[in-house]
C-alpha cells in the first residue's frame, strides 16, 4: 500500500445529480497507471468507487 504516495484528491467543483452521465478522460498519453474515481457524498451508503 502506498499510504498516500502518488494520491491526488480534488474537488471538481460540481454536483452530479442522480441518473446524470459523467465523462472522464485522461489527456496524458504517457500515463499508464490505473485510475480510481471516487464519488463521495454526505451519506456513505451512496458513495461509489469506479
Protein backbone atom coordinates (compact mmCIF):
# COMPACT_ATOMS: atom_id res chain seq x y z
CA UNK A 1 0.00 0.00 0.00
CA UNK A 2 1.36 3.42 -0.91
CA UNK A 3 -0.24 5.19 2.10
CA UNK A 4 -0.95 8.41 0.23
CA UNK A 5 2.10 8.46 -2.00
CA UNK A 6 1.05 9.36 -5.56
CA UNK A 7 -2.54 10.02 -4.38
CA UNK A 8 -4.40 13.11 -5.54
CA UNK A 9 -7.80 14.17 -4.26
CA UNK A 10 -9.51 17.13 -5.89
CA UNK A 11 -12.85 18.82 -5.53
CA UNK A 12 -14.06 19.08 -9.12
CA UNK A 13 -16.49 21.83 -8.16
CA UNK A 14 -19.79 20.42 -9.34
CA UNK A 15 -22.72 18.38 -8.09
CA UNK A 16 -23.56 15.22 -10.01
CA UNK A 17 -27.30 14.67 -9.86
CA UNK A 18 -28.81 11.18 -9.84
CA UNK A 19 -29.07 9.48 -13.26
CA UNK A 20 -26.73 12.00 -14.93
CA UNK A 21 -23.76 10.96 -17.06
CA UNK A 22 -20.21 11.87 -16.05
CA UNK A 23 -17.46 11.59 -18.67
CA UNK A 24 -13.81 11.50 -17.61
CA UNK A 25 -10.81 11.42 -19.90
CA UNK A 26 -7.09 11.12 -19.34
CA UNK A 27 -5.23 13.51 -21.63
CA UNK A 28 -1.66 12.43 -20.86
CA UNK A 29 -0.75 9.70 -23.41
CA UNK A 30 2.24 8.62 -21.28
CA UNK A 31 0.13 7.87 -18.19
CA UNK A 32 -0.48 4.12 -17.96
CA UNK A 33 -1.40 3.60 -14.27
CA UNK A 34 -4.83 2.58 -13.02
CA UNK A 35 -7.20 5.41 -12.04
CA UNK A 36 -9.94 5.28 -9.44
CA UNK A 37 -12.82 7.74 -9.44
CA UNK A 38 -14.45 8.08 -6.03
CA UNK A 39 -17.86 9.72 -5.87
CA UNK A 40 -18.28 10.98 -2.31
CA UNK A 41 -21.32 12.37 -0.58
CA UNK A 42 -22.80 13.10 2.81
CA UNK A 43 -24.24 9.58 3.08
CA UNK A 44 -21.64 6.78 2.96
CA UNK A 45 -24.31 4.39 1.63
CA UNK A 46 -24.39 6.42 -1.60
CA UNK A 47 -20.61 6.65 -2.16
CA UNK A 48 -19.15 4.74 -5.11
CA UNK A 49 -15.73 3.79 -6.49
CA UNK A 50 -15.05 3.24 -10.17
